[in-house]
Amino acid sequence: MYYKSPLDTFILMNIQEKVGVRIKEIRNQKGLTQEALAWKSEVDRTFMNHVENGKRNISLLSLEKIVVNGLETSLGDFFTSPQFS
């Protein structure tokens, strides 16, 4: 039986899925709901759901709104994560 580590799963994900997982990870750490994050980011809640689930290829402007305004995190910190290396 082969054990698949979480890092193995990240390697197989496309960039949209990796971004979505990272947004959800930080959102949960900060205790925010999708709705609260969407409101702070000035995006629609359903859009936020699609982003977190890797179903939307978002623009850099939308990514900045979500990460910097909504999550109050720098883009540098956002991308300093094992799934992006």
C-alpha atoms as a PDB file:
ATOM      1  CA  MET A   1       0.000   0.000   0.000  1.00  0.00           C
ATOM      2  CA  TYR A   2       1.327   3.419  -0.972  1.00  0.00           C
ATOM      3  CA  TYR A   3       0.922   6.339   1.425  1.00  0.00           C
ATOM      4  CA  LYS A   4       0.181   9.627  -0.307  1.00  0.00           C
ATOM      5  CA  SER A   5       1.400  12.588   1.714  1.00  0.00           C
ATOM      6  CA  PRO A   6      -0.354  15.980   1.554  1.00  0.00           C
ATOM      7  CA  LEU A   7       2.646  17.319  -0.370  1.00  0.00           C
ATOM      8  CA  ASP A   8       2.162  14.598  -3.021  1.00  0.00           C
ATOM      9  CA  THR A   9      -1.404  15.819  -3.452  1.00  0.00           C
ATOM     10  CA  PHE A  10      -0.219  19.421  -3.930  1.00  0.00           C
ATOM     11  CA  ILE A  11       2.241  18.336  -6.623  1.00  0.00           C
ATOM     12  CA  LEU A  12      -0.594  16.828  -8.675  1.00  0.00           C
ATOM     13  CA  MET A  13      -2.805  19.929  -8.413  1.00  0.00           C
ATOM     14  CA  ASN A  14      -2.971  22.613 -11.073  1.00  0.00           C
ATOM     15  CA  ILE A  15      -2.221  26.215 -10.130  1.00  0.00           C
ATOM     16  CA  GLN A  16      -5.923  27.136  -9.751  1.00  0.00           C
ATOM     17  CA  GLU A  17      -6.400  24.361  -7.204  1.00  0.00           C
ATOM     18  CA  LYS A  18      -3.219  25.299  -5.324  1.00  0.00           C
ATOM     19  CA  VAL A  19      -4.328  28.929  -5.063  1.00  0.00           C
ATOM     20  CA  GLY A  20      -7.762  27.844  -3.856  1.00  0.00           C
ATOM     21  CA  VAL A  21      -6.339  25.513  -1.208  1.00  0.00           C
ATOM     22  CA  ARG A  22      -4.009  28.250   0.030  1.00  0.00           C
ATOM     23  CA  ILE A  23      -6.821  30.821   0.254  1.00  0.00           C
ATOM     24  CA  LYS A  24      -8.983  28.372   2.187  1.00  0.00           C
ATOM     25  CA  GLU A  25      -6.075  27.485   4.485  1.00  0.00           C
ATOM     26  CA  ILE A  26      -5.419  31.120   5.429  1.00  0.00           C
ATOM     27  CA  ARG A  27      -9.149  31.904   5.657  1.00  0.00           C
ATOM     28  CA  ASN A  28      -9.628  29.071   8.144  1.00  0.00           C
ATOM     29  CA  GLN A  29      -6.569  30.153  10.164  1.00  0.00           C
ATOM     30  CA  LYS A  30      -8.098  33.615  10.457  1.00  0.00           C
ATOM     31  CA  GLY A  31     -11.519  32.245  11.415  1.00  0.00           C
ATOM     32  CA  LEU A  32     -13.324  33.789   8.442  1.00  0.00           C
ATOM     33  CA  THR A  33     -16.287  32.352   6.573  1.00  0.00           C
ATOM     34  CA  GLN A  34     -16.336  32.404   2.784  1.00  0.00           C
ATOM     35  CA  GLU A  35     -19.025  35.050   2.995  1.00  0.00           C
ATOM     36  CA  ALA A  36     -16.966  37.270   5.314  1.00  0.00           C
ATOM     37  CA  LEU A  37     -13.883  36.918   3.125  1.00  0.00           C
ATOM     38  CA  ALA A  38     -15.885  37.683  -0.009  1.00  0.00           C
ATOM     39  CA  TRP A  39     -17.314  40.806   1.638  1.00  0.00           C
ATOM     40  CA  LYS A  40     -13.871  42.028   2.776  1.00  0.00           C
ATOM     41  CA  SER A  41     -12.466  41.286  -0.700  1.00  0.00           C
ATOM     42  CA  GLU A  42     -15.393  42.942  -2.498  1.00  0.00           C
ATOM     43  CA  VAL A  43     -16.160  39.843  -4.567  1.00  0.00           C
ATOM     44  CA  ASP A  44     -19.273  37.673  -4.797  1.00  0.00           C
ATOM     45  CA  ARG A  45     -19.573  34.759  -2.352  1.00  0.00           C
ATOM     46  CA  THR A  46     -20.175  32.239  -5.149  1.00  0.00           C
ATOM     47  CA  PHE A  47     -17.073  33.539  -6.931  1.00  0.00           C
ATOM     48  CA  MET A  48     -15.113  32.966  -3.720  1.00  0.00           C
ATOM     49  CA  ASN A  49     -16.453  29.413  -3.498  1.00  0.00           C
ATOM     50  CA  HIS A  50     -15.402  28.690  -7.072  1.00  0.00           C
ATOM     51  CA  VAL A  51     -11.937  30.130  -6.444  1.00  0.00           C
ATOM     52  CA  GLU A  52     -11.402  28.015  -3.310  1.00  0.00           C
ATOM     53  CA  ASN A  53     -12.519  24.904  -5.189  1.00  0.00           C
ATOM     54  CA  GLY A  54     -10.137  25.563  -8.097  1.00  0.00           C
ATOM     55  CA  LYS A  55     -12.962  26.119 -10.575  1.00  0.00           C
ATOM     56  CA  ARG A  56     -12.045  29.697 -11.529  1.00  0.00           C
ATOM     57  CA  ASN A  57      -8.962  31.013 -13.229  1.00  0.00           C
ATOM     58  CA  ILE A  58      -8.840  34.356 -11.446  1.00  0.00           C
ATOM     59  CA  SER A  59      -7.040  37.509 -12.522  1.00  0.00           C
ATOM     60  CA  LEU A  60      -4.104  38.941 -10.627  1.00  0.00           C
ATOM     61  CA  LEU A  61      -6.308  41.863  -9.592  1.00  0.00           C
ATOM     62  CA  SER A  62      -8.860  39.484  -8.043  1.00  0.00           C
ATOM     63  CA  LEU A  63      -6.090  37.537  -6.338  1.00  0.00           C
ATOM     64  CA  GLU A  64      -4.716  40.765  -4.871  1.00  0.00           C
ATOM     65  CA  LYS A  65      -8.174  41.790  -3.604  1.00  0.00           C
ATOM     66  CA  ILE A  66      -8.658  38.428  -1.907  1.00  0.00           C
ATOM     67  CA  VAL A  67      -5.164  38.016  -0.451  1.00  0.00           C
ATOM     68  CA  VAL A  68      -4.218  41.577   0.458  1.00  0.00           C
ATOM     69  CA  ASN A  69      -7.612  43.128   1.258  1.00  0.00           C
ATOM     70  CA  GLY A  70      -9.577  40.103   2.400  1.00  0.00           C
ATOM     71  CA  LEU A  71      -6.967  37.930   4.096  1.00  0.00           C
ATOM     72  CA  GLU A  72      -4.745  40.864   5.089  1.00  0.00           C
ATOM     73  CA  THR A  73      -1.711  38.894   3.935  1.00  0.00           C
ATOM     74  CA  SER A  74       1.081  39.940   1.596  1.00  0.00           C
ATOM     75  CA  LEU A  75       1.365  38.223  -1.766  1.00  0.00           C
ATOM     76  CA  GLY A  76       4.889  37.206  -0.764  1.00  0.00           C
ATOM     77  CA  ASP A  77       3.611  35.421   2.344  1.00  0.00           C
ATOM     78  CA  PHE A  78       0.771  33.885   0.345  1.00  0.00           C
ATOM     79  CA  PHE A  79       3.176  32.234  -2.089  1.00  0.00           C
ATOM     80  CA  THR A  80       5.659  31.202   0.630  1.00  0.00           C
ATOM     81  CA  SER A  81       4.108  27.792   1.030  1.00  0.00           C
ATOM     82  CA  PRO A  82       5.355  24.289   0.135  1.00  0.00           C
ATOM     83  CA  GLN A  83       2.709  23.785  -2.547  1.00  0.00           C
ATOM     84  CA  PHE A  84       4.209  26.623  -4.622  1.00  0.00           C
ATOM     85  CA  SER A  85       7.812  25.412  -4.557  1.00  0.00           C
END
